[in-house]
């Protein structure tokens, strides 16, 4: 199932991905640092929600209290809860 999350406090404006059970694939960020976000998408391809949360939750960017990785953790957690 495809899920889109509107980010808060980051240069990227949204994250779209597929969720099948607790596995995340096809992560796409809109806006933000293109190369870094392609890297994040590649690294989390096929990972579980728990894995992404464990490795991305709480990461900050510069002086911001969040980051695109932190927003991804929020997004997959929200999608998982809504699709239980």
C-alpha atoms as a PDB file:
ATOM      1  CA  UNK A   1       0.000   0.000   0.000  1.00  0.00           C
ATOM      2  CA  UNK A   2       1.355   3.433  -0.914  1.00  0.00           C
ATOM      3  CA  UNK A   3       1.533   6.012   1.871  1.00  0.00           C
ATOM      4  CA  UNK A   4       2.381   9.731   1.729  1.00  0.00           C
ATOM      5  CA  UNK A   5       3.504  11.726   4.751  1.00  0.00           C
ATOM      6  CA  UNK A   6       3.795  15.524   4.881  1.00  0.00           C
ATOM      7  CA  UNK A   7       7.039  16.356   6.641  1.00  0.00           C
ATOM      8  CA  UNK A   8       7.397  19.029   9.312  1.00  0.00           C
ATOM      9  CA  UNK A   9      10.496  21.153   9.887  1.00  0.00           C
ATOM     10  CA  UNK A  10      12.637  19.845   7.013  1.00  0.00           C
ATOM     11  CA  UNK A  11      13.661  20.947   3.536  1.00  0.00           C
ATOM     12  CA  UNK A  12      11.811  17.978   2.077  1.00  0.00           C
ATOM     13  CA  UNK A  13       8.051  18.519   1.941  1.00  0.00           C
ATOM     14  CA  UNK A  14       6.780  14.952   1.787  1.00  0.00           C
ATOM     15  CA  UNK A  15       7.788  11.299   1.831  1.00  0.00           C
ATOM     16  CA  UNK A  16       6.006   8.623  -0.197  1.00  0.00           C
ATOM     17  CA  UNK A  17       6.663   4.908   0.238  1.00  0.00           C
ATOM     18  CA  UNK A  18       5.080   1.487   0.024  1.00  0.00           C
ATOM     19  CA  UNK A  19       4.297  -0.461   3.171  1.00  0.00           C
ATOM     20  CA  UNK A  20       3.555  -4.177   3.138  1.00  0.00           C
ATOM     21  CA  UNK A  21       3.040  -5.469   6.669  1.00  0.00           C
ATOM     22  CA  UNK A  22       6.035  -3.942   8.431  1.00  0.00           C
ATOM     23  CA  UNK A  23       8.339  -3.782   5.377  1.00  0.00           C
ATOM     24  CA  UNK A  24       9.072  -0.458   3.661  1.00  0.00           C
ATOM     25  CA  UNK A  25       9.989  -0.132  -0.029  1.00  0.00           C
ATOM     26  CA  UNK A  26      10.092   2.475  -2.780  1.00  0.00           C
ATOM     27  CA  UNK A  27      10.860   5.476  -0.513  1.00  0.00           C
ATOM     28  CA  UNK A  28      10.714   8.806  -2.353  1.00  0.00           C
ATOM     29  CA  UNK A  29      11.305  12.245  -0.851  1.00  0.00           C
ATOM     30  CA  UNK A  30       9.960  15.447  -2.411  1.00  0.00           C
ATOM     31  CA  UNK A  31      12.381  18.358  -2.068  1.00  0.00           C
ATOM     32  CA  UNK A  32      15.415  18.374   0.194  1.00  0.00           C
ATOM     33  CA  UNK A  33      19.010  17.344  -0.511  1.00  0.00           C
ATOM     34  CA  UNK A  34      18.648  15.089  -3.535  1.00  0.00           C
ATOM     35  CA  UNK A  35      21.785  12.978  -3.135  1.00  0.00           C
ATOM     36  CA  UNK A  36      21.414  12.450   0.603  1.00  0.00           C
ATOM     37  CA  UNK A  37      17.766  11.508   0.280  1.00  0.00           C
ATOM     38  CA  UNK A  38      18.468   9.050  -2.540  1.00  0.00           C
ATOM     39  CA  UNK A  39      21.025   7.475  -0.216  1.00  0.00           C
ATOM     40  CA  UNK A  40      18.553   7.195   2.668  1.00  0.00           C
ATOM     41  CA  UNK A  41      15.969   5.687   0.305  1.00  0.00           C
ATOM     42  CA  UNK A  42      18.481   3.130  -0.944  1.00  0.00           C
ATOM     43  CA  UNK A  43      19.681   2.186   2.550  1.00  0.00           C
ATOM     44  CA  UNK A  44      16.191   1.569   3.956  1.00  0.00           C
ATOM     45  CA  UNK A  45      14.851  -0.349   0.932  1.00  0.00           C
ATOM     46  CA  UNK A  46      13.247  -3.545   2.228  1.00  0.00           C
ATOM     47  CA  UNK A  47      13.815  -2.685   5.889  1.00  0.00           C
ATOM     48  CA  UNK A  48      11.249  -3.096   8.636  1.00  0.00           C
ATOM     49  CA  UNK A  49       9.471  -0.267  10.395  1.00  0.00           C
ATOM     50  CA  UNK A  50      11.291  -1.107  13.660  1.00  0.00           C
ATOM     51  CA  UNK A  51      14.694  -1.036  11.947  1.00  0.00           C
ATOM     52  CA  UNK A  52      14.035   2.380  10.393  1.00  0.00           C
ATOM     53  CA  UNK A  53      12.766   3.804  13.678  1.00  0.00           C
ATOM     54  CA  UNK A  54      15.760   2.391  15.595  1.00  0.00           C
ATOM     55  CA  UNK A  55      18.291   3.892  13.179  1.00  0.00           C
ATOM     56  CA  UNK A  56      16.651   7.185  12.149  1.00  0.00           C
ATOM     57  CA  UNK A  57      14.502   8.414  15.055  1.00  0.00           C
ATOM     58  CA  UNK A  58      15.912  11.443  16.856  1.00  0.00           C
ATOM     59  CA  UNK A  59      18.497  12.441  14.237  1.00  0.00           C
ATOM     60  CA  UNK A  60      18.695  16.209  13.835  1.00  0.00           C
ATOM     61  CA  UNK A  61      19.865  18.397  10.953  1.00  0.00           C
ATOM     62  CA  UNK A  62      21.925  21.478  11.735  1.00  0.00           C
ATOM     63  CA  UNK A  63      20.038  23.622  14.227  1.00  0.00           C
ATOM     64  CA  UNK A  64      16.717  21.922  13.476  1.00  0.00           C
ATOM     65  CA  UNK A  65      15.101  19.616  16.013  1.00  0.00           C
ATOM     66  CA  UNK A  66      14.381  17.048  13.292  1.00  0.00           C
ATOM     67  CA  UNK A  67      15.796  15.755   9.998  1.00  0.00           C
ATOM     68  CA  UNK A  68      14.566  13.947   6.914  1.00  0.00           C
ATOM     69  CA  UNK A  69      15.620  10.662   8.540  1.00  0.00           C
ATOM     70  CA  UNK A  70      13.722  11.524  11.724  1.00  0.00           C
ATOM     71  CA  UNK A  71      10.682  12.444   9.626  1.00  0.00           C
ATOM     72  CA  UNK A  72      10.969   9.103   7.806  1.00  0.00           C
ATOM     73  CA  UNK A  73      10.898   7.326  11.179  1.00  0.00           C
ATOM     74  CA  UNK A  74       7.746   9.259  12.097  1.00  0.00           C
ATOM     75  CA  UNK A  75       6.191   8.501   8.710  1.00  0.00           C
ATOM     76  CA  UNK A  76       6.733   4.746   8.802  1.00  0.00           C
ATOM     77  CA  UNK A  77       5.502   4.549  12.416  1.00  0.00           C
ATOM     78  CA  UNK A  78       2.327   6.430  11.486  1.00  0.00           C
ATOM     79  CA  UNK A  79       1.739   4.319   8.368  1.00  0.00           C
ATOM     80  CA  UNK A  80       2.275   1.082  10.300  1.00  0.00           C
ATOM     81  CA  UNK A  81      -0.200   2.083  13.024  1.00  0.00           C
ATOM     82  CA  UNK A  82      -2.844   3.087  10.459  1.00  0.00           C
ATOM     83  CA  UNK A  83      -2.423  -0.171   8.523  1.00  0.00           C
ATOM     84  CA  UNK A  84      -2.488  -2.663  11.402  1.00  0.00           C
END
